[in-house]
């Protein structure tokens, strides 16, 4: 269904390459860098349903945009954009248009936003959202990862489109 003709090391996309999740239309959107996520299938009752799951700290401004918008994108970039991704992971969109302070160029993609510099972009329709609860978490995760912090929110998106920008 979404064969780009290229091979990707999917377990390295989030952890080593990072991703940029963006929610909201071109007129009003926000983005943040993510290093936790997954790709797979879910709720495929009678049809293929490929999904992307991203995990966002609820304190992040982007979490608000993900909660209130129907579509989001997840983009992966070449190493040359690592500095931009690091900045987007540290800065807050509450302080202004942080993407304008990077070398990235945006464009509208459906009801979401994508980037010319990305190697790979998933356009997704949000099909589920929830916040992790400590009561369902292994103790070593609660103590070792969160240690007093509020657990992440989970957003599952059905993949509507895969764009391989390297073609």
N, C-alpha and C. Protein backbone atom coordinates (compact mmCIF):
# COMPACT_ATOMS: atom_id res chain seq x y z
N UNK A 1 0.82 -1.21 0.00
CA UNK A 1 0.00 0.00 0.00
C UNK A 1 0.86 1.26 0.00
N UNK A 2 1.94 1.28 0.79
CA UNK A 2 2.79 2.46 0.88
C UNK A 2 4.22 2.13 0.53
N UNK A 3 4.46 1.39 -0.49
CA UNK A 3 5.81 0.99 -0.87
C UNK A 3 6.51 2.16 -1.54
N UNK A 4 7.57 2.66 -0.90
CA UNK A 4 8.32 3.77 -1.48
C UNK A 4 9.43 3.28 -2.40
N UNK A 5 9.64 1.97 -2.40
CA UNK A 5 10.71 1.42 -3.21
C UNK A 5 12.07 1.52 -2.54
N UNK A 6 12.11 2.05 -1.34
CA UNK A 6 13.36 2.19 -0.59
C UNK A 6 13.24 1.45 0.73
N UNK A 7 14.35 1.04 1.25
CA UNK A 7 14.37 0.39 2.55
C UNK A 7 14.72 1.40 3.63
N UNK A 8 14.06 1.28 4.77
CA UNK A 8 14.33 2.13 5.92
C UNK A 8 14.58 1.24 7.12
N UNK A 9 15.45 1.66 8.00
CA UNK A 9 15.68 0.97 9.25
C UNK A 9 14.70 1.55 10.26
N UNK A 10 13.50 0.96 10.30
CA UNK A 10 12.42 1.59 11.05
C UNK A 10 12.69 1.69 12.54
N UNK A 11 13.50 0.79 13.09
CA UNK A 11 13.78 0.88 14.52
C UNK A 11 14.81 1.96 14.83
N UNK A 12 15.45 2.49 13.82
CA UNK A 12 16.42 3.57 14.02
C UNK A 12 15.83 4.95 13.72
N UNK A 13 14.70 5.00 13.04
CA UNK A 13 14.13 6.29 12.66
C UNK A 13 13.94 7.20 13.87
N UNK A 14 13.25 6.72 14.88
CA UNK A 14 12.99 7.56 16.05
C UNK A 14 14.23 7.74 16.91
N UNK A 15 14.88 6.65 17.23
CA UNK A 15 15.95 6.69 18.21
C UNK A 15 17.21 7.39 17.70
N UNK A 16 17.60 7.13 16.48
CA UNK A 16 18.85 7.69 15.98
C UNK A 16 18.65 8.91 15.08
N UNK A 17 17.58 8.90 14.30
CA UNK A 17 17.38 10.00 13.35
C UNK A 17 16.46 11.07 13.90
N UNK A 18 15.68 10.74 14.89
CA UNK A 18 14.65 11.60 15.47
C UNK A 18 13.57 11.87 14.42
N UNK A 19 12.47 12.41 14.88
CA UNK A 19 11.40 12.80 13.99
C UNK A 19 10.89 14.16 14.39
N UNK A 20 10.15 14.78 13.52
CA UNK A 20 9.52 16.06 13.82
C UNK A 20 8.03 15.86 13.63
N UNK A 21 7.28 15.93 14.72
CA UNK A 21 5.83 15.82 14.64
C UNK A 21 5.26 17.23 14.58
N UNK A 22 4.35 17.44 13.63
CA UNK A 22 3.74 18.75 13.41
C UNK A 22 2.24 18.58 13.35
N UNK A 23 1.52 19.39 14.11
CA UNK A 23 0.06 19.33 14.12
C UNK A 23 -0.51 20.72 13.88
N UNK A 24 -1.63 20.72 13.17
CA UNK A 24 -2.29 21.97 12.84
C UNK A 24 -2.09 22.32 11.38
N UNK A 25 -2.99 23.13 10.83
CA UNK A 25 -2.86 23.55 9.44
C UNK A 25 -1.76 24.59 9.27
N UNK A 26 -1.42 24.88 8.05
CA UNK A 26 -0.32 25.80 7.76
C UNK A 26 -0.51 27.15 8.43
N UNK A 27 -1.74 27.59 8.63
CA UNK A 27 -2.01 28.89 9.25
C UNK A 27 -1.78 28.90 10.76
N UNK A 28 -1.84 27.74 11.42
CA UNK A 28 -1.74 27.69 12.88
C UNK A 28 -1.27 26.29 13.30
N UNK A 29 0.03 26.11 13.37
CA UNK A 29 0.59 24.80 13.69
C UNK A 29 1.78 24.94 14.63
N UNK A 30 2.18 23.80 15.16
CA UNK A 30 3.37 23.76 16.00
C UNK A 30 4.03 22.41 15.81
N UNK A 31 5.30 22.33 16.11
CA UNK A 31 6.07 21.11 15.91
C UNK A 31 7.04 20.90 17.06
N UNK A 32 7.36 19.64 17.31
CA UNK A 32 8.43 19.32 18.25
C UNK A 32 9.13 18.04 17.82
N UNK A 33 10.36 17.95 18.22
CA UNK A 33 11.17 16.78 17.92
C UNK A 33 10.74 15.64 18.83
N UNK A 34 10.68 14.43 18.26
CA UNK A 34 10.33 13.24 19.03
C UNK A 34 11.38 12.16 18.81
N UNK A 35 11.65 11.42 19.86
CA UNK A 35 12.55 10.27 19.73
C UNK A 35 11.87 8.99 20.21
N UNK A 36 10.62 9.09 20.62
CA UNK A 36 9.84 7.93 21.01
C UNK A 36 8.67 7.80 20.05
N UNK A 37 8.54 6.65 19.44
CA UNK A 37 7.43 6.42 18.53
C UNK A 37 7.45 5.00 18.01
N UNK A 38 6.44 4.67 17.23
CA UNK A 38 6.36 3.33 16.66
C UNK A 38 5.56 3.38 15.37
N UNK A 39 5.81 2.36 14.56
CA UNK A 39 5.09 2.15 13.30
C UNK A 39 4.51 0.74 13.35
N UNK A 40 3.34 0.55 12.78
CA UNK A 40 2.77 -0.79 12.79
C UNK A 40 1.39 -0.84 12.18
N UNK A 41 0.61 -1.80 12.64
CA UNK A 41 -0.78 -1.95 12.20
C UNK A 41 -1.66 -2.04 13.45
N UNK A 42 -2.89 -1.59 13.32
CA UNK A 42 -3.82 -1.60 14.45
C UNK A 42 -5.23 -1.46 13.90
N UNK A 43 -6.16 -2.13 14.53
CA UNK A 43 -7.57 -2.04 14.18
C UNK A 43 -7.79 -2.23 12.68
N UNK A 44 -7.20 -3.29 12.16
CA UNK A 44 -7.25 -3.56 10.72
C UNK A 44 -8.46 -4.41 10.33
N UNK A 45 -9.52 -4.31 11.04
CA UNK A 45 -10.72 -5.12 10.81
C UNK A 45 -11.20 -5.01 9.36
N UNK A 46 -10.84 -6.00 8.56
CA UNK A 46 -11.31 -6.04 7.18
C UNK A 46 -10.52 -5.21 6.19
N UNK A 47 -9.50 -4.51 6.63
CA UNK A 47 -8.69 -3.70 5.71
C UNK A 47 -7.35 -3.42 6.34
N UNK A 48 -6.41 -2.98 5.51
CA UNK A 48 -5.10 -2.58 6.04
C UNK A 48 -5.23 -1.22 6.72
N UNK A 49 -4.71 -1.13 7.93
CA UNK A 49 -4.67 0.16 8.62
C UNK A 49 -3.27 0.30 9.23
N UNK A 50 -2.42 1.03 8.53
CA UNK A 50 -1.06 1.27 8.99
C UNK A 50 -1.06 2.50 9.88
N UNK A 51 -0.29 2.43 10.96
CA UNK A 51 -0.34 3.52 11.93
C UNK A 51 1.06 3.99 12.33
N UNK A 52 1.08 5.23 12.81
CA UNK A 52 2.22 5.83 13.48
C UNK A 52 1.75 6.21 14.87
N UNK A 53 2.56 5.91 15.87
CA UNK A 53 2.27 6.34 17.24
C UNK A 53 3.41 7.22 17.70
N UNK A 54 3.06 8.38 18.25
CA UNK A 54 4.06 9.27 18.82
C UNK A 54 3.69 9.53 20.28
N UNK A 55 4.72 9.77 21.07
CA UNK A 55 4.56 9.98 22.51
C UNK A 55 5.11 11.37 22.84
N UNK A 56 4.25 12.22 23.38
CA UNK A 56 4.59 13.63 23.60
C UNK A 56 4.39 13.99 25.06
N UNK A 57 5.36 14.69 25.62
CA UNK A 57 5.23 15.19 26.98
C UNK A 57 4.04 16.15 27.02
N UNK A 58 3.13 16.00 27.97
CA UNK A 58 1.93 16.86 28.01
C UNK A 58 2.24 18.34 28.24
N UNK A 59 3.43 18.65 28.73
CA UNK A 59 3.80 20.06 28.93
C UNK A 59 4.19 20.73 27.62
N UNK A 60 4.46 19.94 26.58
CA UNK A 60 4.87 20.51 25.29
C UNK A 60 3.68 21.21 24.63
N UNK A 61 3.92 22.37 24.07
CA UNK A 61 2.90 23.14 23.36
C UNK A 61 2.32 22.32 22.20
N UNK A 62 3.14 21.53 21.56
CA UNK A 62 2.69 20.70 20.43
C UNK A 62 1.62 19.71 20.87
N UNK A 63 1.65 19.28 22.12
CA UNK A 63 0.64 18.35 22.63
C UNK A 63 -0.76 18.96 22.49
N UNK A 64 -0.90 20.23 22.78
CA UNK A 64 -2.18 20.93 22.62
C UNK A 64 -2.63 20.88 21.16
N UNK A 65 -1.73 21.10 20.22
CA UNK A 65 -2.06 21.08 18.80
C UNK A 65 -2.46 19.67 18.35
N UNK A 66 -1.78 18.67 18.88
CA UNK A 66 -2.14 17.29 18.55
C UNK A 66 -3.52 16.94 19.10
N UNK A 67 -3.83 17.43 20.28
CA UNK A 67 -5.14 17.14 20.88
C UNK A 67 -6.29 17.75 20.08
N UNK A 68 -6.08 18.93 19.53
CA UNK A 68 -7.20 19.64 18.91
C UNK A 68 -7.26 19.55 17.38
N UNK A 69 -6.32 18.87 16.75
CA UNK A 69 -6.34 18.77 15.29
C UNK A 69 -6.51 17.34 14.83
N UNK A 70 -7.15 17.19 13.69
CA UNK A 70 -7.47 15.88 13.13
C UNK A 70 -6.27 15.22 12.45
N UNK A 71 -5.39 16.01 11.85
CA UNK A 71 -4.25 15.46 11.13
C UNK A 71 -2.94 15.96 11.73
N UNK A 72 -1.90 15.15 11.52
CA UNK A 72 -0.54 15.54 11.88
C UNK A 72 0.43 14.88 10.91
N UNK A 73 1.64 15.39 10.89
CA UNK A 73 2.69 14.76 10.09
C UNK A 73 3.82 14.35 11.01
N UNK A 74 4.56 13.37 10.56
CA UNK A 74 5.79 12.94 11.20
C UNK A 74 6.84 12.89 10.12
N UNK A 75 7.88 13.70 10.27
CA UNK A 75 8.91 13.82 9.23
C UNK A 75 10.27 13.45 9.79
N UNK A 76 11.09 12.84 8.93
CA UNK A 76 12.46 12.47 9.28
C UNK A 76 13.40 13.16 8.31
N UNK A 77 14.54 13.63 8.81
CA UNK A 77 15.44 14.50 8.06
C UNK A 77 16.84 13.92 7.97
N UNK A 78 17.61 14.38 6.97
CA UNK A 78 19.03 13.99 6.90
C UNK A 78 19.80 14.58 8.10
N UNK A 79 20.95 14.04 8.36
CA UNK A 79 21.81 14.46 9.47
C UNK A 79 22.12 15.96 9.42
N UNK A 80 22.15 16.54 8.24
CA UNK A 80 22.47 17.97 8.10
C UNK A 80 21.49 18.87 8.86
N UNK A 81 20.32 18.36 9.22
CA UNK A 81 19.30 19.16 9.91
C UNK A 81 19.22 18.84 11.40
N UNK A 82 20.20 18.13 11.92
CA UNK A 82 20.22 17.73 13.34
C UNK A 82 20.16 18.95 14.26
N UNK A 83 20.88 20.02 13.91
CA UNK A 83 20.88 21.23 14.74
C UNK A 83 19.48 21.85 14.80
N UNK A 84 18.79 21.88 13.66
CA UNK A 84 17.42 22.40 13.63
C UNK A 84 16.50 21.54 14.51
N UNK A 85 16.63 20.23 14.40
CA UNK A 85 15.78 19.33 15.19
C UNK A 85 16.08 19.48 16.68
N UNK A 86 17.34 19.65 17.04
CA UNK A 86 17.69 19.86 18.44
C UNK A 86 17.05 21.15 18.96
N UNK A 87 17.11 22.20 18.15
CA UNK A 87 16.49 23.47 18.54
C UNK A 87 14.97 23.30 18.71
N UNK A 88 14.33 22.62 17.76
CA UNK A 88 12.88 22.43 17.81
C UNK A 88 12.46 21.54 18.98
N UNK A 89 13.39 20.74 19.47
CA UNK A 89 13.12 19.92 20.65
C UNK A 89 13.28 20.69 21.95
N UNK A 90 14.06 21.77 21.92
CA UNK A 90 14.31 22.56 23.13
C UNK A 90 13.41 23.79 23.24
N UNK A 91 13.16 24.46 22.13
CA UNK A 91 12.40 25.71 22.14
C UNK A 91 10.90 25.44 22.24
N UNK A 92 10.17 26.44 22.69
CA UNK A 92 8.72 26.33 22.78
C UNK A 92 8.06 27.24 21.75
N UNK A 93 7.03 26.73 21.12
CA UNK A 93 6.23 27.53 20.18
C UNK A 93 5.40 28.58 20.89
N UNK A 94 5.29 28.48 22.21
CA UNK A 94 4.56 29.51 22.97
C UNK A 94 5.27 30.86 22.87
N UNK A 95 6.57 30.80 22.56
CA UNK A 95 7.39 32.02 22.48
C UNK A 95 7.45 32.60 21.07
N UNK A 96 6.66 32.09 20.15
CA UNK A 96 6.68 32.59 18.78
C UNK A 96 6.91 31.47 17.78
N UNK A 97 7.09 31.82 16.54
CA UNK A 97 7.25 30.88 15.45
C UNK A 97 8.67 30.31 15.46
N UNK A 98 8.87 29.23 16.18
CA UNK A 98 10.21 28.66 16.32
C UNK A 98 10.71 28.04 15.02
N UNK A 99 9.83 27.58 14.16
CA UNK A 99 10.24 26.98 12.89
C UNK A 99 10.88 28.04 11.99
N UNK A 100 10.42 29.28 12.10
CA UNK A 100 11.00 30.37 11.31
C UNK A 100 12.46 30.61 11.68
N UNK A 101 12.88 30.15 12.85
CA UNK A 101 14.26 30.33 13.30
C UNK A 101 15.16 29.16 12.90
N UNK A 102 14.66 28.30 12.02
CA UNK A 102 15.44 27.17 11.52
C UNK A 102 15.64 27.33 10.01
N UNK A 103 16.31 26.37 9.41
CA UNK A 103 16.50 26.39 7.95
C UNK A 103 15.44 25.57 7.22
N UNK A 104 14.37 25.19 7.92
CA UNK A 104 13.32 24.36 7.32
C UNK A 104 12.29 25.22 6.58
N UNK A 105 11.77 24.65 5.49
CA UNK A 105 10.76 25.31 4.67
C UNK A 105 9.48 24.47 4.68
N UNK A 106 8.39 25.10 5.12
CA UNK A 106 7.11 24.41 5.29
C UNK A 106 6.24 24.49 4.05
N UNK A 107 5.35 23.51 3.95
CA UNK A 107 4.28 23.59 2.96
C UNK A 107 3.06 22.83 3.48
N UNK A 108 1.89 23.22 3.00
CA UNK A 108 0.65 22.56 3.41
C UNK A 108 0.58 21.17 2.80
N UNK A 109 0.15 20.22 3.61
CA UNK A 109 -0.04 18.84 3.16
C UNK A 109 -1.34 18.35 3.79
N UNK A 110 -2.39 18.31 3.00
CA UNK A 110 -3.70 18.00 3.57
C UNK A 110 -4.08 19.06 4.58
N UNK A 111 -4.48 18.63 5.76
CA UNK A 111 -4.81 19.55 6.85
C UNK A 111 -3.64 19.69 7.81
N UNK A 112 -2.44 19.42 7.30
CA UNK A 112 -1.24 19.44 8.14
C UNK A 112 -0.11 20.17 7.42
N UNK A 113 1.10 20.02 7.95
CA UNK A 113 2.27 20.73 7.44
C UNK A 113 3.41 19.73 7.23
N UNK A 114 4.13 19.90 6.14
CA UNK A 114 5.30 19.08 5.85
C UNK A 114 6.48 20.01 5.54
N UNK A 115 7.64 19.41 5.30
CA UNK A 115 8.88 20.19 5.13
C UNK A 115 9.62 19.73 3.88
N UNK A 116 10.09 20.69 3.11
CA UNK A 116 10.82 20.39 1.87
C UNK A 116 12.10 19.60 2.13
N UNK A 117 12.74 19.81 3.26
CA UNK A 117 14.03 19.20 3.56
C UNK A 117 13.92 17.76 4.09
N UNK A 118 12.72 17.32 4.43
CA UNK A 118 12.54 15.98 5.00
C UNK A 118 12.88 14.89 3.98
N UNK A 119 13.39 13.78 4.49
CA UNK A 119 13.62 12.60 3.63
C UNK A 119 12.37 11.75 3.53
N UNK A 120 11.62 11.70 4.63
CA UNK A 120 10.46 10.82 4.72
C UNK A 120 9.40 11.51 5.56
N UNK A 121 8.17 11.54 5.06
CA UNK A 121 7.07 12.15 5.80
C UNK A 121 5.86 11.23 5.79
N UNK A 122 5.25 11.09 6.96
CA UNK A 122 3.98 10.38 7.10
C UNK A 122 2.90 11.42 7.39
N UNK A 123 1.87 11.45 6.56
CA UNK A 123 0.69 12.29 6.86
C UNK A 123 -0.33 11.37 7.50
N UNK A 124 -0.81 11.77 8.67
CA UNK A 124 -1.65 10.89 9.47
C UNK A 124 -2.96 11.55 9.89
N UNK A 125 -3.99 10.72 10.04
CA UNK A 125 -5.27 11.13 10.62
C UNK A 125 -5.32 10.55 12.02
N UNK A 126 -5.48 11.42 13.00
CA UNK A 126 -5.50 10.96 14.40
C UNK A 126 -6.70 10.06 14.62
N UNK A 127 -6.45 8.85 15.14
CA UNK A 127 -7.54 7.93 15.41
C UNK A 127 -7.66 7.58 16.89
N UNK A 128 -6.67 8.00 17.69
CA UNK A 128 -6.73 7.74 19.13
C UNK A 128 -5.74 8.64 19.85
N UNK A 129 -6.13 9.04 21.07
CA UNK A 129 -5.23 9.79 21.93
C UNK A 129 -5.53 9.44 23.38
N UNK A 130 -4.50 9.42 24.18
CA UNK A 130 -4.67 9.10 25.59
C UNK A 130 -3.40 9.51 26.32
N UNK A 131 -3.47 9.55 27.63
CA UNK A 131 -2.30 9.84 28.43
C UNK A 131 -1.97 8.60 29.26
N UNK A 132 -0.69 8.26 29.31
CA UNK A 132 -0.27 7.12 30.13
C UNK A 132 -0.62 7.37 31.59
N UNK A 133 -0.98 6.31 32.27
CA UNK A 133 -1.28 6.36 33.70
C UNK A 133 -0.23 5.56 34.45
N UNK A 134 0.21 6.08 35.55
CA UNK A 134 1.22 5.39 36.35
C UNK A 134 0.74 4.02 36.82
N UNK A 135 -0.54 3.88 37.06
CA UNK A 135 -1.07 2.62 37.58
C UNK A 135 -0.88 1.46 36.60
N UNK A 136 -0.76 1.75 35.32
CA UNK A 136 -0.56 0.70 34.33
C UNK A 136 0.88 0.51 33.92
N UNK A 137 1.79 1.19 34.58
CA UNK A 137 3.19 1.25 34.18
C UNK A 137 4.05 0.38 35.10
N UNK A 138 5.03 -0.28 34.52
CA UNK A 138 5.99 -1.02 35.33
C UNK A 138 6.71 -0.03 36.26
N UNK A 139 7.00 -0.48 37.45
CA UNK A 139 7.61 0.40 38.45
C UNK A 139 8.93 1.00 37.98
N UNK A 140 9.76 0.20 37.28
CA UNK A 140 11.05 0.73 36.84
C UNK A 140 10.90 1.82 35.78
N UNK A 141 9.80 1.79 35.02
CA UNK A 141 9.53 2.86 34.05
C UNK A 141 9.08 4.11 34.79
N UNK A 142 8.14 3.94 35.70
CA UNK A 142 7.64 5.07 36.46
C UNK A 142 8.76 5.77 37.21
N UNK A 143 9.59 4.99 37.90
CA UNK A 143 10.66 5.58 38.71
C UNK A 143 11.87 6.00 37.87
N UNK A 144 12.20 5.21 36.86
CA UNK A 144 13.41 5.47 36.08
C UNK A 144 13.25 6.49 34.98
N UNK A 145 12.06 6.54 34.38
CA UNK A 145 11.83 7.46 33.27
C UNK A 145 11.13 8.73 33.76
N UNK A 146 10.08 8.57 34.55
CA UNK A 146 9.27 9.73 34.92
C UNK A 146 9.69 10.38 36.24
N UNK A 147 10.03 9.61 37.25
CA UNK A 147 10.57 10.12 38.50
C UNK A 147 9.96 11.47 38.90
N UNK A 148 8.64 11.50 39.05
CA UNK A 148 7.95 12.71 39.46
C UNK A 148 7.38 13.54 38.32
N UNK A 149 7.77 13.24 37.08
CA UNK A 149 7.24 13.96 35.91
C UNK A 149 5.91 13.35 35.49
N UNK A 150 5.08 14.14 34.82
CA UNK A 150 3.82 13.63 34.29
C UNK A 150 4.10 12.74 33.09
N UNK A 151 3.46 11.55 33.03
CA UNK A 151 3.69 10.65 31.90
C UNK A 151 3.24 11.24 30.56
N UNK A 152 3.80 10.70 29.50
CA UNK A 152 3.56 11.17 28.14
C UNK A 152 2.12 10.92 27.66
N UNK A 153 1.72 11.68 26.67
CA UNK A 153 0.48 11.44 25.94
C UNK A 153 0.82 10.62 24.70
N UNK A 154 -0.10 9.77 24.32
CA UNK A 154 0.08 8.91 23.15
C UNK A 154 -0.92 9.35 22.08
N UNK A 155 -0.42 9.50 20.86
CA UNK A 155 -1.26 9.86 19.72
C UNK A 155 -1.03 8.81 18.64
N UNK A 156 -2.12 8.17 18.22
CA UNK A 156 -2.03 7.18 17.16
C UNK A 156 -2.68 7.78 15.91
N UNK A 157 -1.94 7.74 14.83
CA UNK A 157 -2.45 8.27 13.57
C UNK A 157 -2.46 7.20 12.50
N UNK A 158 -3.57 7.12 11.79
CA UNK A 158 -3.63 6.25 10.61
C UNK A 158 -2.86 6.94 9.50
N UNK A 159 -1.95 6.21 8.88
CA UNK A 159 -1.15 6.80 7.82
C UNK A 159 -2.00 6.96 6.57
N UNK A 160 -2.15 8.20 6.13
CA UNK A 160 -2.91 8.52 4.93
C UNK A 160 -2.02 8.59 3.69
N UNK A 161 -0.77 8.99 3.92
CA UNK A 161 0.14 9.23 2.81
C UNK A 161 1.57 9.10 3.30
N UNK A 162 2.41 8.49 2.49
CA UNK A 162 3.85 8.40 2.78
C UNK A 162 4.57 9.09 1.64
N UNK A 163 5.42 10.05 2.00
CA UNK A 163 6.15 10.79 0.98
C UNK A 163 7.63 10.53 1.18
N UNK A 164 8.27 9.95 0.18
CA UNK A 164 9.69 9.73 0.18
C UNK A 164 10.29 10.87 -0.63
N UNK A 165 10.88 11.84 0.06
CA UNK A 165 11.38 13.06 -0.58
C UNK A 165 12.71 12.85 -1.31
N UNK A 166 13.29 11.66 -1.15
CA UNK A 166 14.58 11.42 -1.77
C UNK A 166 14.49 11.03 -3.25
N UNK A 167 13.29 10.91 -3.75
CA UNK A 167 13.13 10.54 -5.18
C UNK A 167 13.49 11.66 -6.10
